[in-house]
N, C-alpha and C. Protein backbone atom coordinates (compact mmCIF):
# COMPACT_ATOMS: atom_id res chain seq x y z
N MET A 1 0.95 -0.96 0.06
CA MET A 1 0.05 -0.15 -0.28
C MET A 1 0.77 1.13 0.03
N ARG A 2 0.83 2.16 -0.95
CA ARG A 2 1.42 3.56 -1.02
C ARG A 2 1.53 4.16 0.44
N ILE A 3 0.12 4.41 0.85
CA ILE A 3 0.19 4.96 1.91
C ILE A 3 1.21 4.72 3.33
N GLN A 4 1.20 3.81 3.08
CA GLN A 4 1.92 2.80 3.98
C GLN A 4 3.32 2.84 4.37
N GLN A 5 3.87 2.74 2.54
CA GLN A 5 5.04 2.67 1.96
C GLN A 5 5.79 4.35 2.53
N SER A 6 4.91 5.15 2.42
CA SER A 6 5.09 6.69 2.46
C SER A 6 5.30 6.94 4.16
N ILE A 7 4.59 6.24 4.86
CA ILE A 7 4.66 6.66 6.21
C ILE A 7 5.93 6.26 6.62
N ASN A 8 6.20 4.74 6.24
CA ASN A 8 7.54 3.95 6.76
C ASN A 8 8.88 5.14 5.93
N LYS A 9 8.71 5.39 4.80
CA LYS A 9 9.68 6.55 4.42
C LYS A 9 9.76 7.48 5.08
N HIS A 10 9.06 8.08 5.59
CA HIS A 10 8.87 9.65 6.80
C HIS A 10 9.25 8.92 8.11
N LYS A 11 9.04 7.78 8.43
CA LYS A 11 9.87 7.56 9.89
C LYS A 11 11.23 7.36 9.84
N ALA A 12 11.38 6.62 8.69
CA ALA A 12 12.67 6.49 8.67
C ALA A 12 13.94 8.03 8.58
N ARG A 13 13.37 8.55 7.65
CA ARG A 13 14.03 10.03 7.28
C ARG A 13 14.12 10.99 8.53
N LEU A 14 12.66 10.80 9.96
CA LEU A 14 12.56 11.40 10.85
C LEU A 14 13.88 10.66 11.63
N GLU A 15 13.86 9.37 12.05
CA GLU A 15 14.80 8.79 12.88
C GLU A 15 16.33 9.01 12.48
N ASP A 16 16.56 9.34 11.44
CA ASP A 16 17.84 9.66 10.33
C ASP A 16 18.02 10.96 10.91
N LEU A 17 16.96 11.81 10.75
CA LEU A 17 17.08 13.11 11.11
C LEU A 17 17.41 13.63 12.92
N GLU A 18 16.79 12.94 13.49
CA GLU A 18 16.87 12.85 15.10
C GLU A 18 18.19 12.39 15.41
N LYS A 19 18.72 11.30 14.64
CA LYS A 19 20.03 10.87 15.14
C LYS A 19 21.22 11.95 14.77
N ARG A 20 20.85 12.72 13.59
CA ARG A 20 22.00 13.33 12.76
C ARG A 20 21.54 15.07 14.20
N LEU A 21 20.63 15.21 14.43
CA LEU A 21 20.38 16.34 15.06
C LEU A 21 20.80 16.20 16.55
N LYS A 22 20.71 14.92 17.25
CA LYS A 22 21.54 14.79 18.81
C LYS A 22 23.05 14.64 18.45
N GLN A 23 23.46 14.16 17.14
CA GLN A 23 25.14 14.21 17.07
C GLN A 23 25.49 15.75 16.85
N SER A 24 24.43 16.68 16.60
CA SER A 24 24.97 18.20 16.49
C SER A 24 25.12 19.07 17.55
N ALA A 25 25.70 20.14 17.62
CA ALA A 25 25.33 20.84 19.04
C ALA A 25 24.40 21.59 19.07
N SER A 26 23.91 22.04 17.82
CA SER A 26 22.53 23.07 18.02
C SER A 26 21.33 22.04 18.35
N TYR A 27 21.59 21.18 18.55
CA TYR A 27 20.21 20.31 19.19
C TYR A 27 19.59 20.59 20.37
N ASN A 28 18.57 20.84 20.75
CA ASN A 28 18.17 21.83 22.19
C ASN A 28 16.66 21.22 22.49
N GLY A 29 16.14 22.17 23.27
CA GLY A 29 14.76 21.61 24.10
C GLY A 29 13.14 21.42 22.82
N LYS A 30 13.88 22.86 22.27
CA LYS A 30 12.81 22.82 21.32
C LYS A 30 12.64 21.91 19.96
N MET A 31 13.81 21.73 19.47
CA MET A 31 14.14 21.01 18.52
C MET A 31 13.29 19.35 18.94
N GLU A 32 13.75 18.98 20.05
CA GLU A 32 13.16 17.83 20.78
C GLU A 32 11.84 17.16 20.58
N LYS A 33 11.15 18.56 21.23
CA LYS A 33 9.47 18.62 21.06
C LYS A 33 9.29 18.64 19.70
N THR A 34 9.72 19.26 18.83
CA THR A 34 9.31 19.68 17.12
C THR A 34 9.33 17.96 16.59
N VAL A 35 10.33 17.00 17.40
CA VAL A 35 10.80 15.83 16.55
C VAL A 35 9.89 15.04 17.39
N ALA A 36 9.43 15.18 18.48
CA ALA A 36 8.51 14.12 19.36
C ALA A 36 7.14 14.09 18.74
N SER A 37 6.59 15.87 18.40
CA SER A 37 5.60 16.05 17.69
C SER A 37 5.24 15.11 16.32
N LEU A 38 6.17 15.21 15.56
CA LEU A 38 6.48 14.61 14.31
C LEU A 38 5.99 13.33 14.39
N LYS A 39 6.64 12.63 15.55
CA LYS A 39 6.61 10.88 15.71
C LYS A 39 5.04 10.75 16.22
N ARG A 40 4.70 11.69 17.07
CA ARG A 40 3.11 11.36 17.76
C ARG A 40 2.36 11.34 16.19
N GLN A 41 2.68 12.50 15.52
CA GLN A 41 1.42 12.42 13.97
C GLN A 41 1.79 11.68 13.45
N LEU A 42 3.22 10.65 13.19
CA LEU A 42 3.39 9.61 12.38
C LEU A 42 2.51 8.49 12.76
N GLU A 43 2.67 8.45 14.48
CA GLU A 43 2.25 7.16 14.93
C GLU A 43 0.49 7.42 15.06
N GLU A 44 -0.16 8.44 15.11
CA GLU A 44 -1.49 8.93 14.74
C GLU A 44 -1.99 8.87 13.28
N GLN A 45 -1.14 8.89 12.51
CA GLN A 45 -1.11 8.63 11.05
C GLN A 45 -1.28 6.89 10.87
N GLN A 46 -0.44 6.43 11.76
CA GLN A 46 -0.17 5.08 11.49
C GLN A 46 -1.12 4.07 12.17
N SER A 47 -2.15 4.87 13.15
CA SER A 47 -2.91 4.49 13.79
C SER A 47 -4.47 4.37 12.64
N THR A 48 -4.43 5.65 12.48
CA THR A 48 -5.39 6.05 11.48
C THR A 48 -5.39 4.55 9.97
N ILE A 49 -4.40 4.62 9.62
CA ILE A 49 -4.01 3.75 8.67
C ILE A 49 -4.39 2.22 9.07
N ASN A 50 -3.97 2.12 10.28
CA ASN A 50 -4.51 0.43 10.32
C ASN A 50 -5.81 0.59 11.20
N ASP A 51 -6.78 1.23 11.92
CA ASP A 51 -8.10 1.56 11.44
C ASP A 51 -8.77 1.28 10.24
N LEU A 52 -8.44 2.00 9.33
CA LEU A 52 -9.14 2.15 7.66
C LEU A 52 -8.90 0.85 7.09
N THR A 53 -7.54 0.38 7.35
CA THR A 53 -7.22 -1.26 6.64
C THR A 53 -8.20 -2.27 7.41
N ASN A 54 -8.16 -2.24 8.40
CA ASN A 54 -8.97 -2.94 9.06
C ASN A 54 -10.60 -2.98 8.83
N GLN A 55 -10.86 -1.76 8.52
CA GLN A 55 -12.19 -1.30 8.15
C GLN A 55 -12.68 -2.23 6.33
N LEU A 56 -11.07 -1.71 6.15
CA LEU A 56 -11.42 -2.14 4.38
C LEU A 56 -11.56 -3.34 4.40
N ALA A 57 -10.82 -4.33 5.18
CA ALA A 57 -10.70 -6.09 5.03
C ALA A 57 -12.29 -6.47 6.01
N ALA A 58 -13.11 -5.42 6.62
CA ALA A 58 -13.91 -6.29 7.28
C ALA A 58 -15.26 -5.38 6.02
N ALA A 59 -15.25 -4.70 5.23
CA ALA A 59 -15.80 -4.22 4.34
C ALA A 59 -15.92 -5.36 2.58
N HIS A 60 -14.53 -5.79 2.79
CA HIS A 60 -14.35 -6.79 1.74
C HIS A 60 -15.09 -8.16 2.14
N ILE A 61 -15.10 -8.60 3.39
CA ILE A 61 -15.64 -9.57 3.80
C ILE A 61 -17.13 -9.46 3.71
N GLN A 62 -17.72 -8.62 3.86
CA GLN A 62 -18.79 -8.08 3.90
C GLN A 62 -19.50 -7.99 2.29
N ILE A 63 -18.75 -7.06 1.71
CA ILE A 63 -18.94 -7.47 0.11
C ILE A 63 -19.20 -8.75 -0.42
N LYS A 64 -17.96 -9.79 -0.05
CA LYS A 64 -18.24 -10.91 -0.23
C LYS A 64 -19.24 -11.58 0.25
N SER A 65 -19.64 -11.60 1.39
CA SER A 65 -20.80 -12.20 1.83
C SER A 65 -21.91 -11.49 0.91
N LEU A 66 -21.99 -10.02 0.96
CA LEU A 66 -23.31 -9.91 -0.07
C LEU A 66 -23.14 -10.45 -1.33
N ASN A 67 -22.30 -10.56 -2.19
CA ASN A 67 -22.05 -11.34 -3.61
C ASN A 67 -22.83 -12.50 -3.55
N GLN A 68 -22.36 -12.90 -2.60
CA GLN A 68 -22.86 -14.67 -2.04
C GLN A 68 -24.26 -14.68 -1.93
N SER A 69 -24.86 -13.70 -1.27
CA SER A 69 -26.14 -13.74 -1.11
C SER A 69 -27.06 -13.11 -2.19
N VAL A 70 -26.48 -12.29 -3.12
CA VAL A 70 -27.07 -11.71 -4.46
C VAL A 70 -26.60 -13.30 -5.16
N ASP A 71 -25.90 -13.95 -5.68
CA ASP A 71 -25.41 -15.11 -6.17
C ASP A 71 -26.75 -15.93 -5.66
N SER A 72 -27.04 -16.37 -4.46
CA SER A 72 -28.03 -17.01 -3.90
C SER A 72 -29.43 -16.89 -4.44
N LEU A 73 -29.44 -15.51 -4.22
CA LEU A 73 -31.16 -14.81 -4.61
C LEU A 73 -31.49 -15.06 -6.36
N ASN A 74 -30.21 -14.74 -6.85
CA ASN A 74 -30.27 -14.99 -8.64
C ASN A 74 -30.39 -16.41 -8.94
N THR A 75 -29.89 -17.37 -8.02
CA THR A 75 -30.17 -18.64 -8.23
C THR A 75 -31.77 -19.17 -7.89
N VAL A 76 -32.22 -18.27 -6.79
CA VAL A 76 -33.49 -18.89 -6.26
C VAL A 76 -34.39 -18.12 -7.29
N ASN A 77 -34.12 -16.81 -8.06
CA ASN A 77 -35.09 -15.95 -8.70
C ASN A 77 -35.16 -16.89 -9.96
N LYS A 78 -34.02 -17.51 -10.29
CA LYS A 78 -33.98 -17.99 -11.89
C LYS A 78 -34.80 -19.54 -11.43
N ALA A 79 -34.86 -20.02 -10.49
CA ALA A 79 -35.33 -21.22 -10.22
C ALA A 79 -37.12 -21.01 -9.94
N VAL A 80 -37.37 -19.81 -9.21
CA VAL A 80 -39.00 -19.54 -9.16
C VAL A 80 -39.34 -18.95 -10.65
N VAL A 81 -38.54 -17.98 -11.22
CA VAL A 81 -38.87 -17.88 -12.91
C VAL A 81 -39.27 -19.21 -13.76
N LYS A 82 -38.40 -20.23 -13.51
CA LYS A 82 -38.73 -21.73 -14.03
C LYS A 82 -40.28 -22.23 -14.01
N GLU A 83 -40.23 -21.99 -12.39
CA GLU A 83 -41.34 -22.73 -12.02
C GLU A 83 -42.89 -22.02 -12.34
N LYS A 84 -42.49 -20.52 -12.07
CA LYS A 84 -43.79 -19.74 -13.00
C LYS A 84 -44.11 -20.17 -14.37
N GLU A 85 -43.02 -20.15 -15.30
CA GLU A 85 -42.90 -20.47 -16.50
C GLU A 85 -43.61 -22.05 -16.54
N ALA A 86 -43.14 -23.00 -15.91
CA ALA A 86 -44.00 -24.32 -15.76
C ALA A 86 -45.14 -24.29 -15.54
N ALA A 87 -45.50 -23.44 -14.34
CA ALA A 87 -47.02 -23.40 -14.01
C ALA A 87 -48.24 -22.57 -15.04
N GLN A 88 -47.42 -21.53 -15.56
CA GLN A 88 -47.86 -21.14 -16.52
C GLN A 88 -48.25 -21.64 -17.85
N GLU A 89 -47.37 -23.14 -18.03
CA GLU A 89 -47.19 -23.69 -19.17
C GLU A 89 -48.60 -24.81 -19.10
N GLN A 90 -48.46 -25.16 -17.91
CA GLN A 90 -49.20 -26.26 -17.20
C GLN A 90 -50.78 -25.64 -17.30
N THR A 91 -51.27 -24.33 -17.00
CA THR A 91 -52.32 -23.75 -16.67
C THR A 91 -52.70 -23.42 -18.54
N LYS A 92 -51.89 -23.01 -19.07
CA LYS A 92 -52.46 -22.87 -20.53
C LYS A 92 -52.86 -24.50 -20.98
N ASN A 93 -51.87 -25.73 -20.88
CA ASN A 93 -52.20 -27.04 -21.26
C ASN A 93 -53.75 -27.37 -20.59
N LEU A 94 -53.85 -27.10 -19.53
CA LEU A 94 -55.20 -27.70 -18.77
C LEU A 94 -55.93 -26.73 -19.34
N THR A 95 -56.10 -25.58 -19.77
CA THR A 95 -57.20 -24.78 -19.91
C THR A 95 -57.73 -24.96 -21.82
N ASN A 96 -55.99 -25.41 -22.43
CA ASN A 96 -56.45 -26.04 -24.08
C ASN A 96 -57.47 -27.44 -23.70
N GLU A 97 -56.85 -28.11 -22.66
CA GLU A 97 -57.60 -29.16 -22.76
C GLU A 97 -59.30 -29.33 -22.19
N VAL A 98 -59.36 -28.48 -21.42
CA VAL A 98 -60.76 -28.11 -20.99
C VAL A 98 -61.38 -27.50 -21.98
N ASN A 99 -61.31 -26.79 -22.69
CA ASN A 99 -61.67 -26.03 -24.14
C ASN A 99 -61.77 -27.24 -24.90
N ASN A 100 -60.49 -28.05 -25.24
CA ASN A 100 -61.00 -29.20 -25.95
C ASN A 100 -62.07 -29.94 -25.56
N LEU A 101 -62.13 -30.33 -24.36
CA LEU A 101 -63.14 -31.16 -23.89
C LEU A 101 -64.65 -30.60 -23.92
N ASN A 102 -64.70 -29.03 -24.14
CA ASN A 102 -66.12 -28.55 -24.17
C ASN A 102 -66.20 -27.84 -25.68
N THR A 103 -65.48 -28.60 -26.54
CA THR A 103 -65.51 -28.26 -27.93
C THR A 103 -66.97 -28.82 -28.25
N CYS A 104 -67.73 -28.37 -29.25
CA CYS A 104 -68.77 -29.24 -30.27
C CYS A 104 -68.90 -28.68 -31.26
N TYR A 105 -69.50 -29.59 -32.26
CA TYR A 105 -69.36 -29.17 -33.53
C TYR A 105 -71.09 -29.37 -33.98
N TYR A 106 -71.62 -28.96 -34.77
CA TYR A 106 -72.86 -28.86 -35.18
C TYR A 106 -73.21 -28.70 -36.53
N VAL A 107 -74.24 -28.77 -37.09
CA VAL A 107 -74.49 -29.10 -38.36
C VAL A 107 -75.69 -28.86 -38.51
N VAL A 108 -76.58 -27.95 -39.62
CA VAL A 108 -77.77 -27.92 -39.64
C VAL A 108 -77.96 -27.60 -41.33
N GLY A 109 -78.55 -28.77 -41.94
CA GLY A 109 -78.80 -28.79 -43.19
C GLY A 109 -79.99 -29.68 -43.93
N SER A 110 -80.20 -29.49 -44.92
CA SER A 110 -81.10 -30.44 -45.84
C SER A 110 -80.52 -31.61 -46.01
N LYS A 111 -81.64 -32.49 -46.28
CA LYS A 111 -80.78 -33.93 -47.01
C LYS A 111 -79.96 -33.98 -47.74
N LYS A 112 -80.10 -33.31 -48.93
CA LYS A 112 -79.30 -33.09 -50.10
C LYS A 112 -77.93 -32.61 -49.48
N GLU A 113 -77.93 -31.56 -48.74
CA GLU A 113 -76.41 -30.86 -48.26
C GLU A 113 -76.03 -31.48 -47.05
N LEU A 114 -76.83 -32.50 -46.47
CA LEU A 114 -75.85 -33.42 -45.44
C LEU A 114 -75.10 -34.24 -46.18
N LYS A 115 -75.75 -35.04 -47.43
CA LYS A 115 -75.58 -36.34 -48.29
C LYS A 115 -74.19 -35.61 -48.90
N ALA A 116 -74.41 -34.33 -49.68
CA ALA A 116 -73.25 -33.74 -50.52
C ALA A 116 -72.05 -33.76 -49.41
N ASN A 117 -72.22 -33.35 -48.41
CA ASN A 117 -70.64 -33.06 -47.00
C ASN A 117 -70.67 -34.33 -46.60
N LYS A 118 -71.01 -35.69 -46.54
CA LYS A 118 -70.61 -37.14 -46.62
C LYS A 118 -71.07 -37.06 -45.18
N ILE A 119 -71.99 -36.47 -44.67
CA ILE A 119 -72.24 -36.65 -43.17
C ILE A 119 -73.69 -37.67 -42.92
N ILE A 120 -74.20 -37.88 -43.74
CA ILE A 120 -75.52 -38.91 -43.85
C ILE A 120 -75.13 -39.85 -44.93
N GLU A 121 -76.01 -40.82 -44.97
CA GLU A 121 -76.14 -41.78 -46.06
C GLU A 121 -77.59 -42.70 -46.26
N SER A 122 -78.39 -42.27 -47.22
CA SER A 122 -79.47 -42.85 -47.38
C SER A 122 -79.60 -43.61 -48.78
N GLY A 123 -80.63 -44.26 -49.09
CA GLY A 123 -80.92 -44.74 -50.17
C GLY A 123 -82.04 -45.56 -50.30
N PHE A 124 -82.47 -45.91 -51.36
CA PHE A 124 -84.15 -46.07 -51.43
C PHE A 124 -84.39 -47.54 -50.53
N LEU A 125 -85.29 -47.41 -50.07
CA LEU A 125 -85.50 -48.43 -48.91
C LEU A 125 -84.51 -48.46 -47.86
N ARG A 126 -83.97 -47.77 -47.58
CA ARG A 126 -82.46 -48.08 -46.74
C ARG A 126 -82.89 -46.76 -45.33
N LYS A 127 -82.57 -47.09 -44.57
CA LYS A 127 -82.75 -46.07 -43.24
C LYS A 127 -81.81 -45.06 -43.60
N THR A 128 -81.80 -43.73 -42.97
CA THR A 128 -80.84 -42.66 -43.44
C THR A 128 -80.18 -43.40 -41.92
N LYS A 129 -78.60 -43.13 -42.32
CA LYS A 129 -77.47 -43.41 -40.99
C LYS A 129 -76.33 -42.36 -41.19
N ILE A 130 -75.89 -42.07 -39.94
CA ILE A 130 -74.65 -41.08 -40.02
C ILE A 130 -73.56 -41.67 -40.20
N LEU A 131 -72.96 -41.23 -41.22
CA LEU A 131 -71.26 -42.00 -41.81
C LEU A 131 -70.36 -41.47 -40.27
N GLN A 132 -69.09 -42.48 -39.90
CA GLN A 132 -68.58 -42.04 -38.97
C GLN A 132 -67.19 -41.36 -39.46
N GLY A 133 -66.67 -40.47 -39.08
CA GLY A 133 -65.74 -40.06 -39.35
C GLY A 133 -65.22 -39.80 -40.83
N ASP A 134 -65.84 -39.73 -42.09
CA ASP A 134 -65.65 -40.00 -42.87
C ASP A 134 -66.08 -38.57 -43.59
N PHE A 135 -67.08 -37.42 -42.57
CA PHE A 135 -67.53 -36.50 -43.31
C PHE A 135 -66.72 -35.29 -43.41
N GLU A 136 -67.36 -34.22 -44.07
CA GLU A 136 -66.68 -33.27 -44.47
C GLU A 136 -66.19 -31.81 -43.11
N MET A 137 -65.62 -32.09 -42.22
CA MET A 137 -65.45 -31.30 -40.92
C MET A 137 -65.95 -29.70 -41.29
N SER A 138 -65.30 -29.41 -42.31
CA SER A 138 -65.38 -27.72 -42.79
C SER A 138 -66.96 -27.62 -42.72
N TYR A 139 -67.61 -27.87 -42.95
CA TYR A 139 -69.02 -27.97 -42.81
C TYR A 139 -69.70 -27.81 -41.43
N PHE A 140 -69.07 -28.43 -40.56
CA PHE A 140 -69.52 -27.95 -39.04
C PHE A 140 -69.49 -26.59 -38.73
N THR A 141 -69.86 -26.50 -37.74
CA THR A 141 -69.69 -25.01 -37.02
C THR A 141 -69.24 -25.44 -35.59
N LYS A 142 -68.23 -25.07 -35.29
CA LYS A 142 -67.49 -25.19 -34.19
C LYS A 142 -68.10 -24.20 -33.01
N ALA A 143 -67.97 -24.98 -31.86
CA ALA A 143 -68.68 -23.90 -30.74
C ALA A 143 -68.27 -24.60 -29.38
N ASP A 144 -68.51 -23.92 -28.21
CA ASP A 144 -68.12 -24.15 -26.88
C ASP A 144 -69.45 -24.61 -26.45
N ARG A 145 -69.58 -25.92 -25.92
CA ARG A 145 -70.69 -26.45 -25.13
C ARG A 145 -71.11 -25.98 -24.02
N ARG A 146 -70.16 -25.16 -23.18
CA ARG A 146 -70.57 -24.13 -21.90
C ARG A 146 -71.22 -23.16 -22.18
N THR A 147 -71.18 -22.18 -23.80
CA THR A 147 -71.84 -21.41 -23.79
C THR A 147 -73.26 -21.60 -24.86
N LEU A 148 -73.14 -22.53 -25.50
CA LEU A 148 -74.20 -22.79 -26.74
C LEU A 148 -75.39 -22.81 -25.94
N ASN A 149 -76.47 -22.05 -26.42
CA ASN A 149 -77.79 -22.50 -25.56
C ASN A 149 -78.64 -22.26 -26.66
N GLU A 150 -78.33 -21.74 -27.69
CA GLU A 150 -79.34 -21.94 -28.72
C GLU A 150 -78.83 -22.10 -30.20
N ILE A 151 -79.65 -22.91 -30.82
CA ILE A 151 -79.18 -22.88 -32.33
C ILE A 151 -80.54 -22.27 -33.12
N PRO A 152 -80.46 -21.38 -33.86
CA PRO A 152 -81.50 -21.37 -34.88
C PRO A 152 -81.52 -22.05 -35.86
N LEU A 153 -82.77 -22.57 -36.08
CA LEU A 153 -82.96 -23.61 -37.68
C LEU A 153 -83.37 -23.38 -38.71
N HIS A 154 -84.14 -21.85 -38.57
CA HIS A 154 -84.45 -21.55 -39.73
C HIS A 154 -85.40 -22.44 -40.67
N SER A 155 -86.39 -22.80 -40.10
CA SER A 155 -86.78 -24.21 -40.85
C SER A 155 -88.34 -24.53 -40.10
N LYS A 156 -89.43 -24.72 -40.71
CA LYS A 156 -90.68 -25.31 -40.10
C LYS A 156 -90.64 -26.75 -39.62
N LYS A 157 -89.77 -27.41 -40.11
CA LYS A 157 -89.27 -28.70 -39.73
C LYS A 157 -88.03 -28.91 -39.20
N ALA A 158 -87.72 -30.03 -38.17
CA ALA A 158 -86.28 -30.11 -37.87
C ALA A 158 -86.01 -31.50 -37.47
N GLN A 159 -85.55 -32.17 -37.79
CA GLN A 159 -85.16 -33.56 -37.18
C GLN A 159 -83.73 -33.76 -36.49
N LEU A 160 -83.58 -34.18 -35.21
CA LEU A 160 -81.99 -34.41 -34.67
C LEU A 160 -81.69 -35.64 -35.07
N MET A 161 -80.61 -36.05 -36.25
CA MET A 161 -79.87 -37.38 -36.42
C MET A 161 -79.34 -37.93 -35.84
N THR A 162 -78.71 -37.06 -34.76
CA THR A 162 -77.61 -37.78 -34.03
C THR A 162 -78.52 -38.01 -32.51
N ASN A 163 -77.77 -38.83 -31.58
CA ASN A 163 -78.24 -39.16 -30.32
C ASN A 163 -78.34 -37.97 -29.43
N HIS A 164 -78.87 -36.75 -29.85
CA HIS A 164 -79.40 -36.23 -28.53
C HIS A 164 -80.93 -35.90 -28.13
N PRO A 165 -80.94 -35.48 -26.92
CA PRO A 165 -82.32 -35.38 -26.61
C PRO A 165 -83.07 -34.24 -27.50
N LYS A 166 -84.36 -35.11 -28.03
CA LYS A 166 -85.16 -34.49 -29.00
C LYS A 166 -86.29 -33.21 -28.38
N ASP A 167 -86.24 -33.46 -27.21
CA ASP A 167 -87.44 -32.50 -26.60
C ASP A 167 -86.99 -31.26 -26.78
N ASP A 168 -85.90 -30.54 -27.07
CA ASP A 168 -84.90 -29.20 -26.70
C ASP A 168 -85.27 -28.87 -28.13
N ILE A 169 -86.37 -28.95 -29.01
CA ILE A 169 -86.61 -28.42 -30.34
C ILE A 169 -88.16 -27.59 -30.02
N VAL A 170 -87.91 -26.50 -29.81
CA VAL A 170 -88.92 -25.65 -29.98
C VAL A 170 -89.40 -24.75 -30.95
N GLU A 171 -90.48 -24.44 -31.07
CA GLU A 171 -91.01 -23.73 -32.49
C GLU A 171 -91.25 -22.15 -31.42
N ILE A 172 -90.48 -20.77 -32.07
CA ILE A 172 -90.69 -19.69 -32.03
C ILE A 172 -91.11 -18.97 -33.21
N GLU A 173 -92.14 -18.26 -33.30
CA GLU A 173 -92.80 -17.59 -34.49
C GLU A 173 -93.04 -18.17 -35.72
N GLY A 174 -92.98 -19.43 -35.67
CA GLY A 174 -93.32 -20.17 -36.71
C GLY A 174 -91.91 -21.29 -37.44
N SER A 175 -90.81 -20.83 -36.49
CA SER A 175 -89.46 -21.14 -37.17
C SER A 175 -89.16 -22.24 -35.99
N LYS A 176 -88.47 -23.08 -36.48
CA LYS A 176 -87.73 -24.37 -34.96
C LYS A 176 -86.48 -23.63 -34.63
N VAL A 177 -86.24 -23.92 -33.51
CA VAL A 177 -84.82 -23.21 -32.98
C VAL A 177 -84.60 -24.71 -31.61
N LEU A 178 -83.40 -24.69 -31.36
CA LEU A 178 -83.13 -25.60 -30.48
C LEU A 178 -82.37 -24.69 -29.61
N ARG A 179 -82.89 -25.41 -28.05
CA ARG A 179 -82.69 -24.71 -26.99
C ARG A 179 -82.11 -25.89 -25.79
N ILE A 180 -80.67 -25.20 -25.68
CA ILE A 180 -80.07 -26.42 -24.99
C ILE A 180 -79.88 -25.71 -23.63
N THR A 181 -81.07 -26.40 -23.14
CA THR A 181 -81.04 -25.92 -21.32
C THR A 181 -80.38 -26.75 -20.43
N ASN A 182 -79.89 -27.89 -20.51
CA ASN A 182 -79.13 -28.78 -19.67
C ASN A 182 -77.73 -29.16 -20.78
N PRO A 183 -76.81 -28.42 -21.00
CA PRO A 183 -75.59 -28.62 -21.84
C PRO A 183 -74.81 -30.22 -21.43
N ALA A 184 -74.89 -30.55 -19.80
CA ALA A 184 -74.35 -31.47 -19.47
C ALA A 184 -74.80 -32.89 -20.11
N ARG A 185 -76.48 -32.83 -19.72
CA ARG A 185 -77.18 -33.69 -20.60
C ARG A 185 -77.33 -34.17 -21.72
N PHE A 186 -77.23 -33.04 -22.45
CA PHE A 186 -77.60 -32.73 -23.80
C PHE A 186 -76.35 -33.45 -24.85
N TRP A 187 -75.18 -32.98 -24.18
CA TRP A 187 -73.89 -33.21 -25.22
C TRP A 187 -73.49 -34.70 -24.25
N GLU A 188 -73.60 -35.19 -23.14
CA GLU A 188 -73.28 -36.19 -23.05
C GLU A 188 -72.98 -37.69 -23.59
N LYS A 189 -73.51 -37.72 -24.75
CA LYS A 189 -73.05 -39.06 -25.63
C LYS A 189 -72.30 -38.53 -26.96
N SER A 190 -72.60 -37.31 -27.62
CA SER A 190 -71.65 -37.16 -28.59
C SER A 190 -71.43 -35.39 -28.65
N ASN A 191 -70.35 -35.55 -28.77
CA ASN A 191 -70.19 -33.53 -29.13
C ASN A 191 -70.35 -33.19 -30.88
N PHE A 192 -70.63 -34.23 -31.63
CA PHE A 192 -71.26 -33.88 -32.73
C PHE A 192 -72.80 -33.87 -33.06
N LEU A 193 -73.26 -32.85 -33.48
CA LEU A 193 -74.80 -32.61 -33.52
C LEU A 193 -75.12 -32.57 -34.85
N VAL A 194 -75.93 -33.46 -35.53
CA VAL A 194 -76.46 -33.05 -36.64
C VAL A 194 -77.72 -32.70 -36.97
N VAL A 195 -78.19 -31.92 -37.31
CA VAL A 195 -80.15 -31.31 -37.89
C VAL A 195 -80.10 -31.51 -39.17
N LYS A 196 -81.42 -32.27 -39.03
CA LYS A 196 -81.81 -32.38 -40.67
C LYS A 196 -82.81 -31.57 -40.87
N ILE A 197 -82.96 -30.37 -41.77
CA ILE A 197 -84.13 -29.47 -42.00
C ILE A 197 -84.65 -29.51 -43.23
N ASP A 198 -86.19 -29.30 -43.50
CA ASP A 198 -86.65 -29.41 -44.58
C ASP A 198 -87.17 -27.77 -45.14
């Protein structure tokens, strides 16, 4: 440390000067007091330097401890961020899963339209049946069965072709409307609804 070196240099010069003065004939009490005062100042400076050195060492220890705390907090923070991201991803996945489970599809069309889109199959003296899986999905309307309460059918006649409760079709102002009053019961057998209108 430069300050310590400077003080040591001053001490050595002062001791050398004191030795020379003692050997000289002009050494007196006044000079002796001046030399003693200079020695006291050097000792006080040395004491201050020692205190400052100790404080600096303590500060280094405290800084090292704080750095370790910061590193530890950064590690914890990274872990918390990862956990939060994982929880958000899980929530998103669960929300998507719940939404997928509550997705329903419905189609309202004439016999001709339903046949053209490969949703039903019928023929002479054969019972009309719903095709399984080979139909045109783009023809269906996608909805959320939790919020789908009513489907206007825009027809005087309507017939449910799928296995859903038949009593939910009502007539309003001369036109049929499908009212879903109990979604859990209505959609329990299938998420696909086919309504044939004339």
